[in-house]
Amino acid sequence: MLHAISTGKQSFEQWLEVTKQIHQEADFVHIREKTWSARQLERAVQELLAAAVPPSKIIVNKGPELVRSWNLAGVHFPESNTLVFSNEAPFIKGSSVHSKTMAVQKENEGADYLFFGHIFDTPSKPGLPGRGLKQLQEITDAVSIPVLAIGGIMPERVPLCLDYGAAGAAVMSGIYDAPEPAKAVQSFRSALLKGGMT
């Protein structure tokens, strides 16, 4: 699986243009824009749908009402939020985690998938060393739901993450900040295919 996640560093127009370019190669696109108003988030969804991005690919961070209103794929929460949805909720529920304890807790709360990281050193987390592949393996061994590696992920690192149990990769700046986002997302897709992930 490949999740492409907005960075919060681009204008609305830049974000929209990149997402239009990359959505076909990504399994899911995340609208992760902490400073956008509810109105901006709804406009973002409307613009993606107008650009023929399937609603089944769109995940909104902390936006269950929007997900329900537009029949989107799902909602993603930070580790600090408790998942309060029943297993029958008609959308995917994801959570970020940073430890084995929290991974198990989020699975018990009903998460359908997890992001674990940051795996490698990354400029977005200056001064904080990556948690590494060994911890990734501990997480994937501890839960039965898919775990996606995030943080410092580059195409050449994807097969390593898969070898340590990841079900795929979640990528922010590696796609959205790339000089050619369409080529970047294709590189990640190719890396997943080489690692045996469709």
Protein backbone atom coordinates (compact mmCIF):
# COMPACT_ATOMS: atom_id res chain seq x y z
CA MET A 1 0.00 0.00 0.00
CA LEU A 2 1.09 3.53 -0.72
CA HIS A 3 -0.40 6.44 1.23
CA ALA A 4 0.49 9.93 -0.06
CA ILE A 5 0.10 12.56 2.65
CA SER A 6 -0.06 16.33 2.26
CA THR A 7 2.66 18.24 4.09
CA GLY A 8 0.91 21.36 5.34
CA LYS A 9 3.58 23.48 3.63
CA GLN A 10 1.94 24.17 0.30
CA SER A 11 -0.76 26.53 -0.82
CA PHE A 12 -4.19 25.11 -1.55
CA GLU A 13 -3.54 25.41 -5.28
CA GLN A 14 -0.14 23.69 -5.09
CA TRP A 15 -1.55 20.87 -2.97
CA LEU A 16 -4.44 20.38 -5.39
CA GLU A 17 -2.22 20.31 -8.46
CA VAL A 18 0.16 17.74 -6.95
CA THR A 19 -2.70 15.54 -5.76
CA LYS A 20 -4.22 15.54 -9.23
CA GLN A 21 -0.87 14.38 -10.61
CA ILE A 22 -0.22 11.58 -8.13
CA HIS A 23 -3.53 10.03 -7.13
CA GLN A 24 -3.57 7.30 -9.76
CA GLU A 25 -0.36 5.73 -8.44
CA ALA A 26 -1.28 6.06 -4.75
CA ASP A 27 -3.68 3.75 -2.95
CA PHE A 28 -4.81 6.62 -0.72
CA VAL A 29 -4.30 10.39 -0.57
CA HIS A 30 -4.48 12.06 2.83
CA ILE A 31 -5.67 15.58 3.41
CA ARG A 32 -3.52 16.42 6.43
CA GLU A 33 -3.82 20.18 6.70
CA LYS A 34 -3.93 21.24 10.33
CA THR A 35 -4.42 24.96 9.60
CA TRP A 36 -7.27 24.64 7.11
CA SER A 37 -10.76 25.53 8.22
CA ALA A 38 -13.68 23.12 7.90
CA ARG A 39 -14.77 25.11 4.87
CA GLN A 40 -11.35 24.74 3.22
CA LEU A 41 -11.33 21.01 3.92
CA GLU A 42 -14.74 20.60 2.34
CA ARG A 43 -13.62 22.62 -0.66
CA ALA A 44 -10.55 20.37 -0.91
CA VAL A 45 -12.75 17.28 -1.05
CA GLN A 46 -15.04 18.87 -3.63
CA GLU A 47 -12.07 19.85 -5.83
CA LEU A 48 -10.61 16.34 -5.69
CA LEU A 49 -13.91 14.76 -6.60
CA ALA A 50 -14.34 17.24 -9.45
CA ALA A 51 -10.88 16.18 -10.69
CA ALA A 52 -12.07 12.54 -10.79
CA VAL A 53 -10.14 11.43 -7.71
CA PRO A 54 -12.20 8.48 -6.42
CA PRO A 55 -13.76 9.09 -3.00
CA SER A 56 -12.54 5.59 -2.08
CA LYS A 57 -8.97 6.98 -2.16
CA ILE A 58 -9.48 10.06 0.02
CA ILE A 59 -8.60 9.99 3.73
CA VAL A 60 -9.10 13.06 5.89
CA ASN A 61 -7.21 13.66 9.11
CA LYS A 62 -9.52 14.15 12.08
CA GLY A 63 -12.54 14.69 9.85
CA PRO A 64 -15.12 11.92 10.41
CA GLU A 65 -18.06 14.22 9.64
CA LEU A 66 -16.57 15.08 6.27
CA VAL A 67 -15.86 11.43 5.57
CA ARG A 68 -19.47 10.51 6.28
CA SER A 69 -20.91 13.43 4.30
CA TRP A 70 -18.97 12.62 1.13
CA ASN A 71 -18.66 8.84 1.53
CA LEU A 72 -14.87 9.04 1.57
CA ALA A 73 -12.44 6.21 2.25
CA GLY A 74 -11.62 7.01 5.82
CA VAL A 75 -10.27 9.09 8.64
CA HIS A 76 -6.80 9.19 10.21
CA PHE A 77 -6.02 10.30 13.75
CA PRO A 78 -2.85 11.16 15.67
CA GLU A 79 -1.80 8.85 18.47
CA SER A 80 -3.25 11.21 21.11
CA ASN A 81 -6.83 10.75 19.87
CA THR A 82 -8.92 7.84 21.09
CA LEU A 83 -10.71 5.98 18.33
CA VAL A 84 -14.36 5.88 19.35
CA PHE A 85 -15.92 4.28 16.30
CA SER A 86 -17.52 0.88 16.24
CA ASN A 87 -16.03 -1.79 14.02
CA GLU A 88 -19.11 -1.38 11.84
CA ALA A 89 -18.30 2.26 11.01
CA PRO A 90 -18.59 2.51 7.20
CA PHE A 91 -15.10 3.90 6.65
CA ILE A 92 -11.45 3.05 7.26
CA LYS A 93 -9.99 4.15 10.59
CA GLY A 94 -6.26 4.79 10.88
CA SER A 95 -3.93 6.00 13.59
CA SER A 96 -0.33 7.08 13.93
CA VAL A 97 1.66 5.30 16.65
CA HIS A 98 5.15 5.58 18.09
CA SER A 99 5.43 2.51 20.32
CA LYS A 100 4.38 -1.11 20.56
CA THR A 101 2.11 -0.33 23.52
CA MET A 102 0.19 2.27 21.53
CA ALA A 103 0.03 0.03 18.47
CA VAL A 104 -1.69 -2.67 20.48
CA GLN A 105 -3.99 -0.09 22.09
CA LYS A 106 -5.03 1.40 18.76
CA GLU A 107 -5.74 -2.03 17.32
CA ASN A 108 -7.94 -2.73 20.35
CA GLU A 109 -9.71 0.60 19.80
CA GLY A 110 -10.65 -0.54 16.31
CA ALA A 111 -7.98 0.89 14.02
CA ASP A 112 -7.88 -0.72 10.59
CA TYR A 113 -4.25 0.26 9.92
CA LEU A 114 -1.36 2.07 11.62
CA PHE A 115 1.41 4.46 10.63
CA PHE A 116 4.61 3.81 12.58
CA GLY A 117 7.60 6.09 12.55
CA HIS A 118 9.59 7.94 12.00
CA ILE A 119 11.68 5.03 10.76
CA PHE A 120 14.66 6.94 9.38
CA ASP A 121 16.19 10.32 10.18
CA THR A 122 14.20 13.03 8.44
CA PRO A 123 14.46 16.83 8.15
CA SER A 124 10.87 17.10 9.40
CA LYS A 125 12.05 15.75 12.79
CA PRO A 126 15.35 17.59 13.34
CA GLY A 127 17.45 16.23 16.17
CA LEU A 128 15.30 13.13 16.63
CA PRO A 129 16.93 9.90 15.43
CA GLY A 130 14.77 7.47 13.49
CA ARG A 131 13.19 4.63 15.44
CA GLY A 132 14.65 2.13 13.02
CA LEU A 133 13.71 -1.09 11.32
CA LYS A 134 14.02 -3.26 14.43
CA GLN A 135 11.27 -1.29 16.17
CA LEU A 136 9.20 -1.50 12.99
CA GLN A 137 9.49 -5.29 13.17
CA GLU A 138 8.42 -5.24 16.84
CA ILE A 139 5.31 -3.30 15.91
CA THR A 140 4.36 -5.48 12.97
CA ASP A 141 4.83 -8.60 15.12
CA ALA A 142 2.62 -7.17 17.89
CA VAL A 143 -0.52 -6.43 15.84
CA SER A 144 -2.57 -8.16 13.18
CA ILE A 145 -3.57 -5.04 11.23
CA PRO A 146 -1.41 -3.46 8.48
CA VAL A 147 1.43 -1.23 9.62
CA LEU A 148 2.83 1.34 7.19
CA ALA A 149 6.32 2.77 7.57
CA ILE A 150 6.59 6.56 7.66
CA GLY A 151 9.42 9.03 8.12
CA GLY A 152 12.46 9.39 5.89
CA ILE A 153 11.01 6.91 3.42
CA MET A 154 12.65 6.95 0.00
CA PRO A 155 12.00 4.47 -2.83
CA GLU A 156 15.24 2.58 -2.20
CA ARG A 157 14.25 2.10 1.47
CA VAL A 158 10.81 0.67 0.73
CA PRO A 159 11.96 -2.96 0.19
CA LEU A 160 13.79 -2.82 3.55
CA CYS A 161 10.61 -1.72 5.29
CA LEU A 162 8.68 -4.52 3.64
CA ASP A 163 11.34 -7.02 4.76
CA TYR A 164 10.73 -5.88 8.34
CA GLY A 165 6.99 -6.46 8.15
CA ALA A 166 5.56 -3.20 6.84
CA ALA A 167 2.47 -3.47 4.66
CA GLY A 168 3.58 -0.46 2.67
CA ALA A 169 4.77 3.11 2.96
CA ALA A 170 3.28 6.46 3.93
CA VAL A 171 5.06 9.36 2.23
CA MET A 172 4.80 13.10 2.66
CA SER A 173 7.65 15.29 1.40
CA GLY A 174 9.12 12.49 -0.74
CA ILE A 175 6.13 12.98 -3.02
CA TYR A 176 4.62 16.40 -2.33
CA ASP A 177 7.95 18.27 -2.20
CA ALA A 178 9.53 16.39 -5.09
CA PRO A 179 10.52 18.45 -8.15
CA GLU A 180 8.43 16.05 -10.24
CA PRO A 181 5.74 14.55 -8.00
CA ALA A 182 4.33 12.28 -10.72
CA LYS A 183 7.73 10.66 -11.25
CA ALA A 184 8.30 10.42 -7.51
CA VAL A 185 5.06 8.57 -6.84
CA GLN A 186 5.82 6.21 -9.72
CA SER A 187 9.19 5.45 -8.12
CA PHE A 188 7.50 4.55 -4.85
CA ARG A 189 4.97 2.38 -6.67
CA SER A 190 7.76 0.58 -8.52
CA ALA A 191 9.62 0.01 -5.25
CA LEU A 192 6.53 -1.57 -3.73
CA LEU A 193 6.08 -3.82 -6.74
CA LYS A 194 9.71 -4.92 -6.57
CA GLY A 195 9.20 -5.72 -2.91
CA GLY A 196 6.24 -7.93 -3.73
CA MET A 197 3.48 -5.47 -2.74
CA THR A 198 0.75 -4.64 -5.25
